[in-house]
Amino acid sequence: KDEMIDIEGFRFSVLKVVRNRIEELQVEKLDSSFVNEKVTALENNLTEQMDVQADNQIEKESIPDVQQDNITPDQADTSVRENN
């Protein structure tokens, strides 16, 4: 009797495994669409940040660097006095 297969029990077990797997696949599908949305949002954010950095770099390059003249405070004072 022990070697007889319990058909109903076996059928129930198989159905339970199949149902679990279907649920897992549905969850994975939901997760993947969620992940895809997040990845797209991050890509857009990164692109915006890179655009902003590029704009900032262009602005920096277009503004002349005042400190290149290497004028010390003493030199600045004398040049003002000479102009007066």
PDB file of N, CA and C in Angstrom:
ATOM      1  N   LYS A   1       0.824  -1.203   0.000  1.00  0.00           N
ATOM      2  CA  LYS A   1       0.000   0.000   0.000  1.00  0.00           C
ATOM      3  C   LYS A   1       0.867   1.266   0.000  1.00  0.00           C
ATOM      4  N   ASP A   2       2.006   1.211   0.679  1.00  0.00           N
ATOM      5  CA  ASP A   2       2.869   2.386   0.757  1.00  0.00           C
ATOM      6  C   ASP A   2       3.379   2.794  -0.616  1.00  0.00           C
ATOM      7  N   GLU A   3       3.560   1.836  -1.521  1.00  0.00           N
ATOM      8  CA  GLU A   3       4.090   2.148  -2.838  1.00  0.00           C
ATOM      9  C   GLU A   3       3.034   2.705  -3.782  1.00  0.00           C
ATOM     10  N   MET A   4       1.771   2.633  -3.390  1.00  0.00           N
ATOM     11  CA  MET A   4       0.723   3.218  -4.217  1.00  0.00           C
ATOM     12  C   MET A   4       0.836   4.746  -4.175  1.00  0.00           C
ATOM     13  N   ILE A   5       0.714   5.353  -5.309  1.00  0.00           N
ATOM     14  CA  ILE A   5       0.833   6.817  -5.375  1.00  0.00           C
ATOM     15  C   ILE A   5      -0.520   7.427  -5.052  1.00  0.00           C
ATOM     16  N   ASP A   6      -0.499   8.388  -4.159  1.00  0.00           N
ATOM     17  CA  ASP A   6      -1.718   9.121  -3.823  1.00  0.00           C
ATOM     18  C   ASP A   6      -1.941  10.156  -4.928  1.00  0.00           C
ATOM     19  N   ILE A   7      -2.820   9.809  -5.881  1.00  0.00           N
ATOM     20  CA  ILE A   7      -3.023  10.658  -7.060  1.00  0.00           C
ATOM     21  C   ILE A   7      -3.504  12.059  -6.673  1.00  0.00           C
ATOM     22  N   GLU A   8      -4.444  12.125  -5.778  1.00  0.00           N
ATOM     23  CA  GLU A   8      -4.963  13.433  -5.374  1.00  0.00           C
ATOM     24  C   GLU A   8      -3.878  14.271  -4.700  1.00  0.00           C
ATOM     25  N   GLY A   9      -3.113  13.638  -3.816  1.00  0.00           N
ATOM     26  CA  GLY A   9      -2.035  14.345  -3.121  1.00  0.00           C
ATOM     27  C   GLY A   9      -0.970  14.814  -4.107  1.00  0.00           C
ATOM     28  N   PHE A  10      -0.643  13.937  -5.065  1.00  0.00           N
ATOM     29  CA  PHE A  10       0.365  14.262  -6.072  1.00  0.00           C
ATOM     30  C   PHE A  10      -0.117  15.436  -6.935  1.00  0.00           C
ATOM     31  N   ARG A  11      -1.381  15.343  -7.358  1.00  0.00           N
ATOM     32  CA  ARG A  11      -1.966  16.396  -8.184  1.00  0.00           C
ATOM     33  C   ARG A  11      -1.956  17.730  -7.431  1.00  0.00           C
ATOM     34  N   PHE A  12      -2.316  17.679  -6.151  1.00  0.00           N
ATOM     35  CA  PHE A  12      -2.340  18.881  -5.324  1.00  0.00           C
ATOM     36  C   PHE A  12      -0.926  19.486  -5.228  1.00  0.00           C
ATOM     37  N   SER A  13       0.079  18.602  -4.995  1.00  0.00           N
ATOM     38  CA  SER A  13       1.471  19.070  -4.884  1.00  0.00           C
ATOM     39  C   SER A  13       1.939  19.746  -6.170  1.00  0.00           C
ATOM     40  N   VAL A  14       1.624  19.097  -7.311  1.00  0.00           N
ATOM     41  CA  VAL A  14       2.040  19.661  -8.598  1.00  0.00           C
ATOM     42  C   VAL A  14       1.367  21.012  -8.827  1.00  0.00           C
ATOM     43  N   LEU A  15       0.074  21.085  -8.558  1.00  0.00           N
ATOM     44  CA  LEU A  15      -0.656  22.340  -8.738  1.00  0.00           C
ATOM     45  C   LEU A  15      -0.086  23.441  -7.837  1.00  0.00           C
ATOM     46  N   LYS A  16       0.259  23.049  -6.600  1.00  0.00           N
ATOM     47  CA  LYS A  16       0.807  24.018  -5.663  1.00  0.00           C
ATOM     48  C   LYS A  16       2.138  24.562  -6.187  1.00  0.00           C
ATOM     49  N   VAL A  17       3.002  23.689  -6.692  1.00  0.00           N
ATOM     50  CA  VAL A  17       4.300  24.103  -7.244  1.00  0.00           C
ATOM     51  C   VAL A  17       4.089  25.023  -8.451  1.00  0.00           C
ATOM     52  N   VAL A  18       3.171  24.632  -9.324  1.00  0.00           N
ATOM     53  CA  VAL A  18       2.903  25.426 -10.528  1.00  0.00           C
ATOM     54  C   VAL A  18       2.355  26.803 -10.147  1.00  0.00           C
ATOM     55  N   ARG A  19       1.421  26.841  -9.205  1.00  0.00           N
ATOM     56  CA  ARG A  19       0.852  28.128  -8.770  1.00  0.00           C
ATOM     57  C   ARG A  19       1.941  29.022  -8.180  1.00  0.00           C
ATOM     58  N   ASN A  20       2.804  28.440  -7.337  1.00  0.00           N
ATOM     59  CA  ASN A  20       3.893  29.224  -6.738  1.00  0.00           C
ATOM     60  C   ASN A  20       4.804  29.818  -7.806  1.00  0.00           C
ATOM     61  N   ARG A  21       5.119  28.981  -8.808  1.00  0.00           N
ATOM     62  CA  ARG A  21       6.015  29.437  -9.876  1.00  0.00           C
ATOM     63  C   ARG A  21       5.372  30.558 -10.697  1.00  0.00           C
ATOM     64  N   ILE A  22       4.072  30.418 -10.947  1.00  0.00           N
ATOM     65  CA  ILE A  22       3.356  31.472 -11.694  1.00  0.00           C
ATOM     66  C   ILE A  22       3.392  32.779 -10.896  1.00  0.00           C
ATOM     67  N   GLU A  23       3.168  32.676  -9.595  1.00  0.00           N
ATOM     68  CA  GLU A  23       3.216  33.870  -8.752  1.00  0.00           C
ATOM     69  C   GLU A  23       4.616  34.486  -8.774  1.00  0.00           C
ATOM     70  N   GLU A  24       5.658  33.651  -8.691  1.00  0.00           N
ATOM     71  CA  GLU A  24       7.035  34.153  -8.748  1.00  0.00           C
ATOM     72  C   GLU A  24       7.281  34.892 -10.055  1.00  0.00           C
ATOM     73  N   LEU A  25       6.835  34.306 -11.161  1.00  0.00           N
ATOM     74  CA  LEU A  25       7.039  34.935 -12.465  1.00  0.00           C
ATOM     75  C   LEU A  25       6.304  36.270 -12.553  1.00  0.00           C
ATOM     76  N   GLN A  26       5.103  36.318 -11.989  1.00  0.00           N
ATOM     77  CA  GLN A  26       4.357  37.574 -12.004  1.00  0.00           C
ATOM     78  C   GLN A  26       5.078  38.636 -11.180  1.00  0.00           C
ATOM     79  N   VAL A  27       5.633  38.237 -10.038  1.00  0.00           N
ATOM     80  CA  VAL A  27       6.373  39.170  -9.197  1.00  0.00           C
ATOM     81  C   VAL A  27       7.627  39.639  -9.942  1.00  0.00           C
ATOM     82  N   GLU A  28       8.337  38.703 -10.592  1.00  0.00           N
ATOM     83  CA  GLU A  28       9.537  39.069 -11.347  1.00  0.00           C
ATOM     84  C   GLU A  28       9.187  40.057 -12.453  1.00  0.00           C
ATOM     85  N   LYS A  29       8.062  39.823 -13.100  1.00  0.00           N
ATOM     86  CA  LYS A  29       7.630  40.707 -14.187  1.00  0.00           C
ATOM     87  C   LYS A  29       7.374  42.105 -13.634  1.00  0.00           C
ATOM     88  N   LEU A  30       6.670  42.174 -12.496  1.00  0.00           N
ATOM     89  CA  LEU A  30       6.418  43.464 -11.856  1.00  0.00           C
ATOM     90  C   LEU A  30       7.740  44.122 -11.473  1.00  0.00           C
ATOM     91  N   ASP A  31       8.631  43.342 -10.871  1.00  0.00           N
ATOM     92  CA  ASP A  31       9.917  43.875 -10.450  1.00  0.00           C
ATOM     93  C   ASP A  31      10.697  44.425 -11.637  1.00  0.00           C
ATOM     94  N   SER A  32      10.689  43.702 -12.754  1.00  0.00           N
ATOM     95  CA  SER A  32      11.488  44.141 -13.886  1.00  0.00           C
ATOM     96  C   SER A  32      10.956  45.452 -14.452  1.00  0.00           C
ATOM     97  N   SER A  33       9.629  45.631 -14.485  1.00  0.00           N
ATOM     98  CA  SER A  33       9.102  46.892 -14.996  1.00  0.00           C
ATOM     99  C   SER A  33       9.424  48.022 -14.019  1.00  0.00           C
ATOM    100  N   PHE A  34       9.371  47.723 -12.719  1.00  0.00           N
ATOM    101  CA  PHE A  34       9.731  48.709 -11.696  1.00  0.00           C
ATOM    102  C   PHE A  34      11.202  49.105 -11.848  1.00  0.00           C
ATOM    103  N   VAL A  35      12.063  48.090 -12.024  1.00  0.00           N
ATOM    104  CA  VAL A  35      13.500  48.341 -12.176  1.00  0.00           C
ATOM    105  C   VAL A  35      13.753  49.153 -13.444  1.00  0.00           C
ATOM    106  N   ASN A  36      13.074  48.800 -14.535  1.00  0.00           N
ATOM    107  CA  ASN A  36      13.257  49.539 -15.783  1.00  0.00           C
ATOM    108  C   ASN A  36      12.879  51.009 -15.617  1.00  0.00           C
ATOM    109  N   GLU A  37      11.800  51.275 -14.895  1.00  0.00           N
ATOM    110  CA  GLU A  37      11.396  52.663 -14.639  1.00  0.00           C
ATOM    111  C   GLU A  37      12.471  53.394 -13.851  1.00  0.00           C
ATOM    112  N   LYS A  38      13.007  52.727 -12.830  1.00  0.00           N
ATOM    113  CA  LYS A  38      14.045  53.352 -12.005  1.00  0.00           C
ATOM    114  C   LYS A  38      15.302  53.630 -12.826  1.00  0.00           C
ATOM    115  N   VAL A  39      15.696  52.667 -13.653  1.00  0.00           N
ATOM    116  CA  VAL A  39      16.896  52.836 -14.488  1.00  0.00           C
ATOM    117  C   VAL A  39      16.700  54.014 -15.435  1.00  0.00           C
ATOM    118  N   THR A  40      15.530  54.102 -16.048  1.00  0.00           N
ATOM    119  CA  THR A  40      15.239  55.202 -16.970  1.00  0.00           C
ATOM    120  C   THR A  40      15.303  56.537 -16.233  1.00  0.00           C
ATOM    121  N   ALA A  41      14.732  56.587 -15.036  1.00  0.00           N
ATOM    122  CA  ALA A  41      14.751  57.818 -14.247  1.00  0.00           C
ATOM    123  C   ALA A  41      16.187  58.211 -13.903  1.00  0.00           C
ATOM    124  N   LEU A  42      17.000  57.227 -13.516  1.00  0.00           N
ATOM    125  CA  LEU A  42      18.399  57.510 -13.185  1.00  0.00           C
ATOM    126  C   LEU A  42      19.177  57.988 -14.406  1.00  0.00           C
ATOM    127  N   GLU A  43      18.924  57.357 -15.557  1.00  0.00           N
ATOM    128  CA  GLU A  43      19.600  57.780 -16.791  1.00  0.00           C
ATOM    129  C   GLU A  43      19.246  59.221 -17.127  1.00  0.00           C
ATOM    130  N   ASN A  44      17.965  59.564 -17.007  1.00  0.00           N
ATOM    131  CA  ASN A  44      17.526  60.935 -17.290  1.00  0.00           C
ATOM    132  C   ASN A  44      18.172  61.922 -16.335  1.00  0.00           C
ATOM    133  N   ASN A  45      18.225  61.551 -15.060  1.00  0.00           N
ATOM    134  CA  ASN A  45      18.829  62.402 -14.042  1.00  0.00           C
ATOM    135  C   ASN A  45      20.313  62.625 -14.340  1.00  0.00           C
ATOM    136  N   LEU A  46      20.997  61.534 -14.695  1.00  0.00           N
ATOM    137  CA  LEU A  46      22.419  61.619 -15.006  1.00  0.00           C
ATOM    138  C   LEU A  46      22.658  62.508 -16.222  1.00  0.00           C
ATOM    139  N   THR A  47      21.818  62.352 -17.239  1.00  0.00           N
ATOM    140  CA  THR A  47      21.945  63.165 -18.447  1.00  0.00           C
ATOM    141  C   THR A  47      21.772  64.641 -18.103  1.00  0.00           C
ATOM    142  N   GLU A  48      20.776  64.960 -17.269  1.00  0.00           N
ATOM    143  CA  GLU A  48      20.551  66.348 -16.845  1.00  0.00           C
ATOM    144  C   GLU A  48      21.773  66.887 -16.109  1.00  0.00           C
ATOM    145  N   GLN A  49      22.326  66.086 -15.193  1.00  0.00           N
ATOM    146  CA  GLN A  49      23.493  66.528 -14.426  1.00  0.00           C
ATOM    147  C   GLN A  49      24.683  66.784 -15.345  1.00  0.00           C
ATOM    148  N   MET A  50      24.864  65.904 -16.334  1.00  0.00           N
ATOM    149  CA  MET A  50      25.981  66.073 -17.263  1.00  0.00           C
ATOM    150  C   MET A  50      25.788  67.338 -18.093  1.00  0.00           C
ATOM    151  N   ASP A  51      24.545  67.628 -18.503  1.00  0.00           N
ATOM    152  CA  ASP A  51      24.254  68.848 -19.252  1.00  0.00           C
ATOM    153  C   ASP A  51      24.571  70.078 -18.418  1.00  0.00           C
ATOM    154  N   VAL A  52      24.163  70.049 -17.136  1.00  0.00           N
ATOM    155  CA  VAL A  52      24.418  71.177 -16.239  1.00  0.00           C
ATOM    156  C   VAL A  52      25.919  71.375 -16.068  1.00  0.00           C
ATOM    157  N   GLN A  53      26.659  70.261 -15.873  1.00  0.00           N
ATOM    158  CA  GLN A  53      28.113  70.370 -15.718  1.00  0.00           C
ATOM    159  C   GLN A  53      28.756  70.930 -16.978  1.00  0.00           C
ATOM    160  N   ALA A  54      28.294  70.506 -18.133  1.00  0.00           N
ATOM    161  CA  ALA A  54      28.840  71.008 -19.395  1.00  0.00           C
ATOM    162  C   ALA A  54      28.575  72.507 -19.512  1.00  0.00           C
ATOM    163  N   ASP A  55      27.366  72.937 -19.154  1.00  0.00           N
ATOM    164  CA  ASP A  55      27.034  74.371 -19.186  1.00  0.00           C
ATOM    165  C   ASP A  55      27.935  75.146 -18.232  1.00  0.00           C
ATOM    166  N   ASN A  56      28.138  74.609 -17.034  1.00  0.00           N
ATOM    167  CA  ASN A  56      29.005  75.276 -16.053  1.00  0.00           C
ATOM    168  C   ASN A  56      30.433  75.388 -16.572  1.00  0.00           C
ATOM    169  N   GLN A  57      30.912  74.334 -17.218  1.00  0.00           N
ATOM    170  CA  GLN A  57      32.271  74.328 -17.756  1.00  0.00           C
ATOM    171  C   GLN A  57      32.410  75.398 -18.846  1.00  0.00           C
ATOM    172  N   ILE A  58      31.401  75.516 -19.707  1.00  0.00           N
ATOM    173  CA  ILE A  58      31.427  76.523 -20.772  1.00  0.00           C
ATOM    174  C   ILE A  58      31.451  77.916 -20.153  1.00  0.00           C
ATOM    175  N   GLU A  59      30.639  78.113 -19.105  1.00  0.00           N
ATOM    176  CA  GLU A  59      30.629  79.417 -18.434  1.00  0.00           C
ATOM    177  C   GLU A  59      31.989  79.719 -17.824  1.00  0.00           C
ATOM    178  N   LYS A  60      32.608  78.743 -17.158  1.00  0.00           N
ATOM    179  CA  LYS A  60      33.926  78.946 -16.552  1.00  0.00           C
ATOM    180  C   LYS A  60      34.946  79.339 -17.603  1.00  0.00           C
ATOM    181  N   GLU A  61      34.910  78.663 -18.760  1.00  0.00           N
ATOM    182  CA  GLU A  61      35.889  78.929 -19.803  1.00  0.00           C
ATOM    183  C   GLU A  61      35.667  80.291 -20.440  1.00  0.00           C
ATOM    184  N   SER A  62      34.416  80.780 -20.442  1.00  0.00           N
ATOM    185  CA  SER A  62      34.135  82.056 -21.093  1.00  0.00           C
ATOM    186  C   SER A  62      34.417  83.240 -20.172  1.00  0.00           C
ATOM    187  N   ILE A  63      34.469  82.998 -18.846  1.00  0.00           N
ATOM    188  CA  ILE A  63      34.776  84.084 -17.901  1.00  0.00           C
ATOM    189  C   ILE A  63      36.297  84.121 -17.716  1.00  0.00           C
ATOM    190  N   PRO A  64      36.939  85.256 -18.020  1.00  0.00           N
ATOM    191  CA  PRO A  64      38.397  85.322 -17.838  1.00  0.00           C
ATOM    192  C   PRO A  64      38.755  85.216 -16.358  1.00  0.00           C
ATOM    193  N   ASP A  65      39.849  84.548 -16.081  1.00  0.00           N
ATOM    194  CA  ASP A  65      40.284  84.343 -14.702  1.00  0.00           C
ATOM    195  C   ASP A  65      40.999  85.595 -14.223  1.00  0.00           C
ATOM    196  N   VAL A  66      40.381  86.282 -13.261  1.00  0.00           N
ATOM    197  CA  VAL A  66      40.912  87.560 -12.781  1.00  0.00           C
ATOM    198  C   VAL A  66      42.256  87.356 -12.090  1.00  0.00           C
ATOM    199  N   GLN A  67      42.450  86.216 -11.454  1.00  0.00           N
ATOM    200  CA  GLN A  67      43.656  86.013 -10.656  1.00  0.00           C
ATOM    201  C   GLN A  67      44.892  85.766 -11.514  1.00  0.00           C
ATOM    202  N   GLN A  68      44.755  85.678 -12.825  1.00  0.00           N
ATOM    203  CA  GLN A  68      45.914  85.425 -13.665  1.00  0.00           C
ATOM    204  C   GLN A  68      46.873  86.615 -13.692  1.00  0.00           C
ATOM    205  N   ASP A  69      46.370  87.793 -13.353  1.00  0.00           N
ATOM    206  CA  ASP A  69      47.205  88.996 -13.416  1.00  0.00           C
ATOM    207  C   ASP A  69      48.280  89.009 -12.326  1.00  0.00           C
ATOM    208  N   ASN A  70      48.080  88.250 -11.262  1.00  0.00           N
ATOM    209  CA  ASN A  70      49.045  88.158 -10.159  1.00  0.00           C
ATOM    210  C   ASN A  70      49.366  89.517  -9.549  1.00  0.00           C
ATOM    211  N   ILE A  71      48.364  90.340  -9.382  1.00  0.00           N
ATOM    212  CA  ILE A  71      48.581  91.640  -8.749  1.00  0.00           C
ATOM    213  C   ILE A  71      48.482  91.451  -7.243  1.00  0.00           C
ATOM    214  N   THR A  72      49.512  91.850  -6.525  1.00  0.00           N
ATOM    215  CA  THR A  72      49.474  91.761  -5.065  1.00  0.00           C
ATOM    216  C   THR A  72      48.720  92.974  -4.544  1.00  0.00           C
ATOM    217  N   PRO A  73      48.243  92.925  -3.302  1.00  0.00           N
ATOM    218  CA  PRO A  73      47.524  94.077  -2.748  1.00  0.00           C
ATOM    219  C   PRO A  73      48.377  95.353  -2.778  1.00  0.00           C
ATOM    220  N   ASP A  74      49.697  95.223  -2.543  1.00  0.00           N
ATOM    221  CA  ASP A  74      50.575  96.401  -2.555  1.00  0.00           C
ATOM    222  C   ASP A  74      50.570  97.063  -3.930  1.00  0.00           C
ATOM    223  N   GLN A  75      50.718  96.245  -4.977  1.00  0.00           N
ATOM    224  CA  GLN A  75      50.732  96.778  -6.337  1.00  0.00           C
ATOM    225  C   GLN A  75      49.398  97.444  -6.660  1.00  0.00           C
ATOM    226  N   ALA A  76      48.320  96.861  -6.189  1.00  0.00           N
ATOM    227  CA  ALA A  76      46.992  97.411  -6.464  1.00  0.00           C
ATOM    228  C   ALA A  76      46.871  98.780  -5.804  1.00  0.00           C
ATOM    229  N   ASP A  77      47.402  98.900  -4.583  1.00  0.00           N
ATOM    230  CA  ASP A  77      47.322 100.168  -3.863  1.00  0.00           C
ATOM    231  C   ASP A  77      48.100 101.257  -4.598  1.00  0.00           C
ATOM    232  N   THR A  78      49.314 100.951  -5.039  1.00  0.00           N
ATOM    233  CA  THR A  78      50.137 101.974  -5.697  1.00  0.00           C
ATOM    234  C   THR A  78      49.510 102.385  -7.022  1.00  0.00           C
ATOM    235  N   SER A  79      48.929 101.455  -7.752  1.00  0.00           N
ATOM    236  CA  SER A  79      48.328 101.814  -9.032  1.00  0.00           C
ATOM    237  C   SER A  79      47.136 102.744  -8.812  1.00  0.00           C
ATOM    238  N   VAL A  80      46.402 102.545  -7.706  1.00  0.00           N
ATOM    239  CA  VAL A  80      45.266 103.429  -7.411  1.00  0.00           C
ATOM    240  C   VAL A  80      45.780 104.818  -7.063  1.00  0.00           C
ATOM    241  N   ARG A  81      46.873 104.870  -6.268  1.00  0.00           N
ATOM    242  CA  ARG A  81      47.430 106.171  -5.861  1.00  0.00           C
ATOM    243  C   ARG A  81      47.959 106.938  -7.079  1.00  0.00           C
ATOM    244  N   GLU A  82      48.605 106.218  -7.993  1.00  0.00           N
ATOM    245  CA  GLU A  82      49.156 106.889  -9.166  1.00  0.00           C
ATOM    246  C   GLU A  82      48.047 107.483 -10.023  1.00  0.00           C
ATOM    247  N   ASN A  83      46.914 106.809 -10.051  1.00  0.00           N
ATOM    248  CA  ASN A  83      45.808 107.322 -10.863  1.00  0.00           C
ATOM    249  C   ASN A  83      45.175 108.560 -10.241  1.00  0.00           C
ATOM    250  N   ASN A  84      45.290 108.692  -8.925  1.00  0.00           N
ATOM    251  CA  ASN A  84      44.714 109.874  -8.267  1.00  0.00           C
ATOM    252  C   ASN A  84      45.679 110.980  -8.465  1.00  0.00           C
TER     253      ASN A  84
END
